[in-house]
Amino acid sequence: MNPEQATFLRNFLLPGIEAESKSTRKVIAAVPEAKRGYKPESHSRTAFELAWHLAEGDVWFLEGIASAKFAPGSERPAEIKSIADILRWSDKNFPAALAKVKALPAERLAQPVDFFGMLNEPVVAYLMIMNNHAIHHRGQLSTYLRPMGSKVPNIMGGSFDEPQ
């Protein structure tokens, strides 16, 4: 991929990623604090763990893209104790990480980057992987909402609870 193609791809993907992040935020915000420990099976993540994974994962991917280096994720900060804390953290960190990716020069976007020995793609290609990751886990978390007594927000079109 040449730098011009990489720039086009970034500019094409980022508006969708920004829109998806708003949907992800709505799903996380719909998790009832009193039921954040809910999980449908013993081997599933809790709603709280999944909400954190979603928020942290988006920022982790953006930071990895911006730095052209993917490192193992870190522990959840001790101050993240509630769904509201996750939302505040995301509201602060997601825009800052996104701005770094928006500012990347074309040559950096086209630079191949290793992803734990599994992939070696131009760094811009990881935007699509990030988006797929978020959509996947958001879908999981959205299926937790009704059993927890919450409503499913409009995600990619209306829902029973929030028509378009």
C-alpha atoms as a PDB file:
ATOM      1  CA  MET A   1       0.000   0.000   0.000  1.00  0.00           C
ATOM      2  CA  ASN A   2       1.381   3.388  -0.924  1.00  0.00           C
ATOM      3  CA  PRO A   3       1.033   6.518   1.258  1.00  0.00           C
ATOM      4  CA  GLU A   4      -1.785   7.994  -0.835  1.00  0.00           C
ATOM      5  CA  GLN A   5      -3.817   4.796  -0.561  1.00  0.00           C
ATOM      6  CA  ALA A   6      -3.176   4.650   3.167  1.00  0.00           C
ATOM      7  CA  THR A   7      -4.369   8.240   3.593  1.00  0.00           C
ATOM      8  CA  PHE A   8      -7.498   7.511   1.591  1.00  0.00           C
ATOM      9  CA  LEU A   9      -8.212   4.434   3.724  1.00  0.00           C
ATOM     10  CA  ARG A  10      -7.761   6.334   6.999  1.00  0.00           C
ATOM     11  CA  ASN A  11      -9.979   9.167   5.806  1.00  0.00           C
ATOM     12  CA  PHE A  12     -12.584   6.681   4.613  1.00  0.00           C
ATOM     13  CA  LEU A  13     -12.629   4.613   7.826  1.00  0.00           C
ATOM     14  CA  LEU A  14     -12.432   7.264  10.548  1.00  0.00           C
ATOM     15  CA  PRO A  15     -15.923   8.772  10.151  1.00  0.00           C
ATOM     16  CA  GLY A  16     -17.413   5.289  10.511  1.00  0.00           C
ATOM     17  CA  ILE A  17     -15.221   4.539  13.516  1.00  0.00           C
ATOM     18  CA  GLU A  18     -16.332   7.774  15.162  1.00  0.00           C
ATOM     19  CA  ALA A  19     -19.984   6.882  14.536  1.00  0.00           C
ATOM     20  CA  GLU A  20     -19.461   3.367  15.870  1.00  0.00           C
ATOM     21  CA  SER A  21     -17.829   4.762  19.005  1.00  0.00           C
ATOM     22  CA  LYS A  22     -21.017   6.694  19.760  1.00  0.00           C
ATOM     23  CA  SER A  23     -23.053   3.496  19.460  1.00  0.00           C
ATOM     24  CA  THR A  24     -20.574   1.657  21.677  1.00  0.00           C
ATOM     25  CA  ARG A  25     -20.841   4.406  24.282  1.00  0.00           C
ATOM     26  CA  LYS A  26     -24.654   4.083  24.286  1.00  0.00           C
ATOM     27  CA  VAL A  27     -24.420   0.334  24.882  1.00  0.00           C
ATOM     28  CA  ILE A  28     -21.912   0.747  27.718  1.00  0.00           C
ATOM     29  CA  ALA A  29     -24.067   3.494  29.248  1.00  0.00           C
ATOM     30  CA  ALA A  30     -27.079   1.132  29.176  1.00  0.00           C
ATOM     31  CA  VAL A  31     -25.378  -1.324  31.558  1.00  0.00           C
ATOM     32  CA  PRO A  32     -27.144  -0.975  34.925  1.00  0.00           C
ATOM     33  CA  GLU A  33     -24.547  -0.381  37.640  1.00  0.00           C
ATOM     34  CA  ALA A  34     -26.380  -2.698  40.035  1.00  0.00           C
ATOM     35  CA  LYS A  35     -26.166  -5.544  37.508  1.00  0.00           C
ATOM     36  CA  ARG A  36     -22.678  -4.931  36.134  1.00  0.00           C
ATOM     37  CA  GLY A  37     -21.573  -8.348  37.428  1.00  0.00           C
ATOM     38  CA  TYR A  38     -24.024 -10.138  35.130  1.00  0.00           C
ATOM     39  CA  LYS A  39     -22.649 -12.755  32.768  1.00  0.00           C
ATOM     40  CA  PRO A  40     -24.709 -15.272  30.808  1.00  0.00           C
ATOM     41  CA  GLU A  41     -22.376 -18.227  31.411  1.00  0.00           C
ATOM     42  CA  SER A  42     -19.691 -19.001  33.960  1.00  0.00           C
ATOM     43  CA  HIS A  43     -16.933 -18.650  31.352  1.00  0.00           C
ATOM     44  CA  SER A  44     -18.250 -15.336  29.975  1.00  0.00           C
ATOM     45  CA  ARG A  45     -16.954 -11.923  30.925  1.00  0.00           C
ATOM     46  CA  THR A  46     -19.095  -9.862  33.236  1.00  0.00           C
ATOM     47  CA  ALA A  47     -20.887  -6.867  31.758  1.00  0.00           C
ATOM     48  CA  PHE A  48     -18.399  -4.623  33.563  1.00  0.00           C
ATOM     49  CA  GLU A  49     -15.400  -6.548  32.207  1.00  0.00           C
ATOM     50  CA  LEU A  50     -16.829  -6.459  28.702  1.00  0.00           C
ATOM     51  CA  ALA A  51     -17.609  -2.741  28.940  1.00  0.00           C
ATOM     52  CA  TRP A  52     -14.032  -2.053  30.027  1.00  0.00           C
ATOM     53  CA  HIS A  53     -12.647  -4.282  27.270  1.00  0.00           C
ATOM     54  CA  LEU A  54     -14.627  -2.299  24.700  1.00  0.00           C
ATOM     55  CA  ALA A  55     -13.543   1.119  25.939  1.00  0.00           C
ATOM     56  CA  GLU A  56      -9.939   0.160  26.580  1.00  0.00           C
ATOM     57  CA  GLY A  57      -9.682  -1.824  23.349  1.00  0.00           C
ATOM     58  CA  ASP A  58     -10.592   1.126  21.148  1.00  0.00           C
ATOM     59  CA  VAL A  59      -8.001   3.344  22.814  1.00  0.00           C
ATOM     60  CA  TRP A  60      -5.429   0.534  22.804  1.00  0.00           C
ATOM     61  CA  PHE A  61      -5.818   0.045  19.051  1.00  0.00           C
ATOM     62  CA  LEU A  62      -5.666   3.783  18.319  1.00  0.00           C
ATOM     63  CA  GLU A  63      -2.554   4.213  20.476  1.00  0.00           C
ATOM     64  CA  GLY A  64      -0.934   1.206  18.789  1.00  0.00           C
ATOM     65  CA  ILE A  65      -1.718   2.624  15.366  1.00  0.00           C
ATOM     66  CA  ALA A  66      -0.414   6.062  16.340  1.00  0.00           C
ATOM     67  CA  SER A  67       2.827   4.680  17.768  1.00  0.00           C
ATOM     68  CA  ALA A  68       3.191   1.909  15.150  1.00  0.00           C
ATOM     69  CA  LYS A  69       3.695  -0.551  18.006  1.00  0.00           C
ATOM     70  CA  PHE A  70       1.280  -3.005  19.587  1.00  0.00           C
ATOM     71  CA  ALA A  71       2.118  -4.120  23.098  1.00  0.00           C
ATOM     72  CA  PRO A  72       0.117  -6.312  25.463  1.00  0.00           C
ATOM     73  CA  GLY A  73      -2.678  -4.446  27.214  1.00  0.00           C
ATOM     74  CA  SER A  74      -2.317  -3.275  30.762  1.00  0.00           C
ATOM     75  CA  GLU A  75      -4.415  -3.830  33.862  1.00  0.00           C
ATOM     76  CA  ARG A  76      -7.539  -1.764  34.363  1.00  0.00           C
ATOM     77  CA  PRO A  77      -6.631   1.332  36.403  1.00  0.00           C
ATOM     78  CA  ALA A  78      -7.690   1.050  40.056  1.00  0.00           C
ATOM     79  CA  GLU A  79      -9.832   4.178  39.768  1.00  0.00           C
ATOM     80  CA  ILE A  80     -12.119   2.466  37.202  1.00  0.00           C
ATOM     81  CA  LYS A  81     -14.735   1.056  39.561  1.00  0.00           C
ATOM     82  CA  SER A  82     -18.055   1.772  37.849  1.00  0.00           C
ATOM     83  CA  ILE A  83     -19.699   2.020  34.461  1.00  0.00           C
ATOM     84  CA  ALA A  84     -19.634   5.811  34.864  1.00  0.00           C
ATOM     85  CA  ASP A  85     -15.860   5.611  35.427  1.00  0.00           C
ATOM     86  CA  ILE A  86     -15.464   3.651  32.186  1.00  0.00           C
ATOM     87  CA  LEU A  87     -17.470   6.254  30.301  1.00  0.00           C
ATOM     88  CA  ARG A  88     -15.461   9.150  31.787  1.00  0.00           C
ATOM     89  CA  TRP A  89     -12.197   7.373  30.956  1.00  0.00           C
ATOM     90  CA  SER A  90     -13.324   6.719  27.396  1.00  0.00           C
ATOM     91  CA  ASP A  91     -14.635  10.260  26.930  1.00  0.00           C
ATOM     92  CA  LYS A  92     -11.195  11.539  27.885  1.00  0.00           C
ATOM     93  CA  ASN A  93      -8.917   9.002  26.176  1.00  0.00           C
ATOM     94  CA  PHE A  94     -10.725   8.043  22.963  1.00  0.00           C
ATOM     95  CA  PRO A  95     -10.748  11.555  21.404  1.00  0.00           C
ATOM     96  CA  ALA A  96      -7.089  12.113  22.302  1.00  0.00           C
ATOM     97  CA  ALA A  97      -6.024   8.794  20.754  1.00  0.00           C
ATOM     98  CA  LEU A  98      -8.193   9.416  17.683  1.00  0.00           C
ATOM     99  CA  ALA A  99      -6.560  12.823  17.190  1.00  0.00           C
ATOM    100  CA  LYS A 100      -3.144  11.143  17.084  1.00  0.00           C
ATOM    101  CA  VAL A 101      -4.291   8.845  14.281  1.00  0.00           C
ATOM    102  CA  LYS A 102      -5.862  11.757  12.381  1.00  0.00           C
ATOM    103  CA  ALA A 103      -2.510  13.560  12.530  1.00  0.00           C
ATOM    104  CA  LEU A 104      -0.373  10.689  11.214  1.00  0.00           C
ATOM    105  CA  PRO A 105       1.541  11.497   8.036  1.00  0.00           C
ATOM    106  CA  ALA A 106       0.846   9.400   4.955  1.00  0.00           C
ATOM    107  CA  GLU A 107       4.165   7.559   5.107  1.00  0.00           C
ATOM    108  CA  ARG A 108       3.481   6.380   8.663  1.00  0.00           C
ATOM    109  CA  LEU A 109       0.009   5.155   7.702  1.00  0.00           C
ATOM    110  CA  ALA A 110       1.517   2.927   5.017  1.00  0.00           C
ATOM    111  CA  GLN A 111       4.249   1.558   7.319  1.00  0.00           C
ATOM    112  CA  PRO A 112       3.942  -2.208   7.933  1.00  0.00           C
ATOM    113  CA  VAL A 113       3.628  -3.047  11.630  1.00  0.00           C
ATOM    114  CA  ASP A 114       3.897  -6.397  13.367  1.00  0.00           C
ATOM    115  CA  PHE A 115       0.875  -7.544  15.361  1.00  0.00           C
ATOM    116  CA  PHE A 116       2.200 -10.148  17.801  1.00  0.00           C
ATOM    117  CA  GLY A 117       3.702 -12.220  14.994  1.00  0.00           C
ATOM    118  CA  MET A 118       0.244 -12.906  13.515  1.00  0.00           C
ATOM    119  CA  LEU A 119       0.008 -10.018  11.043  1.00  0.00           C
ATOM    120  CA  ASN A 120       2.333  -7.514   9.434  1.00  0.00           C
ATOM    121  CA  GLU A 121       0.051  -5.003   7.754  1.00  0.00           C
ATOM    122  CA  PRO A 122       0.230  -1.294   6.969  1.00  0.00           C
ATOM    123  CA  VAL A 123      -0.640   0.440  10.222  1.00  0.00           C
ATOM    124  CA  VAL A 124      -3.803   1.944   8.705  1.00  0.00           C
ATOM    125  CA  ALA A 125      -5.197  -1.570   8.140  1.00  0.00           C
ATOM    126  CA  TYR A 126      -5.516  -2.007  11.907  1.00  0.00           C
ATOM    127  CA  LEU A 127      -8.313   0.573  11.909  1.00  0.00           C
ATOM    128  CA  MET A 128     -10.553  -2.034  10.293  1.00  0.00           C
ATOM    129  CA  ILE A 129      -9.481  -4.685  12.798  1.00  0.00           C
ATOM    130  CA  MET A 130     -10.182  -2.229  15.613  1.00  0.00           C
ATOM    131  CA  ASN A 131     -13.639  -1.498  14.240  1.00  0.00           C
ATOM    132  CA  ASN A 132     -14.467  -5.192  13.832  1.00  0.00           C
ATOM    133  CA  HIS A 133     -13.243  -5.876  17.379  1.00  0.00           C
ATOM    134  CA  ALA A 134     -15.495  -3.154  18.797  1.00  0.00           C
ATOM    135  CA  ILE A 135     -18.543  -4.251  16.809  1.00  0.00           C
ATOM    136  CA  HIS A 136     -18.034  -7.869  17.889  1.00  0.00           C
ATOM    137  CA  HIS A 137     -17.794  -7.117  21.599  1.00  0.00           C
ATOM    138  CA  ARG A 138     -20.513  -4.456  21.466  1.00  0.00           C
ATOM    139  CA  GLY A 139     -22.808  -7.115  20.049  1.00  0.00           C
ATOM    140  CA  GLN A 140     -21.946  -9.372  22.961  1.00  0.00           C
ATOM    141  CA  LEU A 141     -22.604  -6.651  25.510  1.00  0.00           C
ATOM    142  CA  SER A 142     -25.878  -5.638  23.851  1.00  0.00           C
ATOM    143  CA  THR A 143     -27.191  -9.183  24.358  1.00  0.00           C
ATOM    144  CA  TYR A 144     -26.581  -8.795  28.103  1.00  0.00           C
ATOM    145  CA  LEU A 145     -28.776  -5.694  28.406  1.00  0.00           C
ATOM    146  CA  ARG A 146     -32.301  -7.140  28.438  1.00  0.00           C
ATOM    147  CA  PRO A 147     -31.463  -9.988  30.857  1.00  0.00           C
ATOM    148  CA  MET A 148     -30.042  -7.279  33.149  1.00  0.00           C
ATOM    149  CA  GLY A 149     -33.334  -5.380  32.942  1.00  0.00           C
ATOM    150  CA  SER A 150     -32.020  -2.638  30.678  1.00  0.00           C
ATOM    151  CA  LYS A 151     -33.062  -1.440  27.267  1.00  0.00           C
ATOM    152  CA  VAL A 152     -31.155  -1.951  24.024  1.00  0.00           C
ATOM    153  CA  PRO A 153     -30.319   1.386  22.422  1.00  0.00           C
ATOM    154  CA  ASN A 154     -30.419   2.213  18.742  1.00  0.00           C
ATOM    155  CA  ILE A 155     -27.085   0.784  17.568  1.00  0.00           C
ATOM    156  CA  MET A 156     -27.102   0.484  13.778  1.00  0.00           C
ATOM    157  CA  GLY A 157     -30.723   1.325  13.315  1.00  0.00           C
ATOM    158  CA  GLY A 158     -33.660   1.245  15.643  1.00  0.00           C
ATOM    159  CA  SER A 159     -34.254  -1.361  18.292  1.00  0.00           C
ATOM    160  CA  PHE A 160     -37.468  -2.448  19.966  1.00  0.00           C
ATOM    161  CA  ASP A 161     -36.529  -0.229  22.896  1.00  0.00           C
ATOM    162  CA  GLU A 162     -35.299   2.747  20.884  1.00  0.00           C
ATOM    163  CA  PRO A 163     -36.928   2.889  17.454  1.00  0.00           C
ATOM    164  CA  GLN A 164     -35.190   4.780  14.718  1.00  0.00           C
END
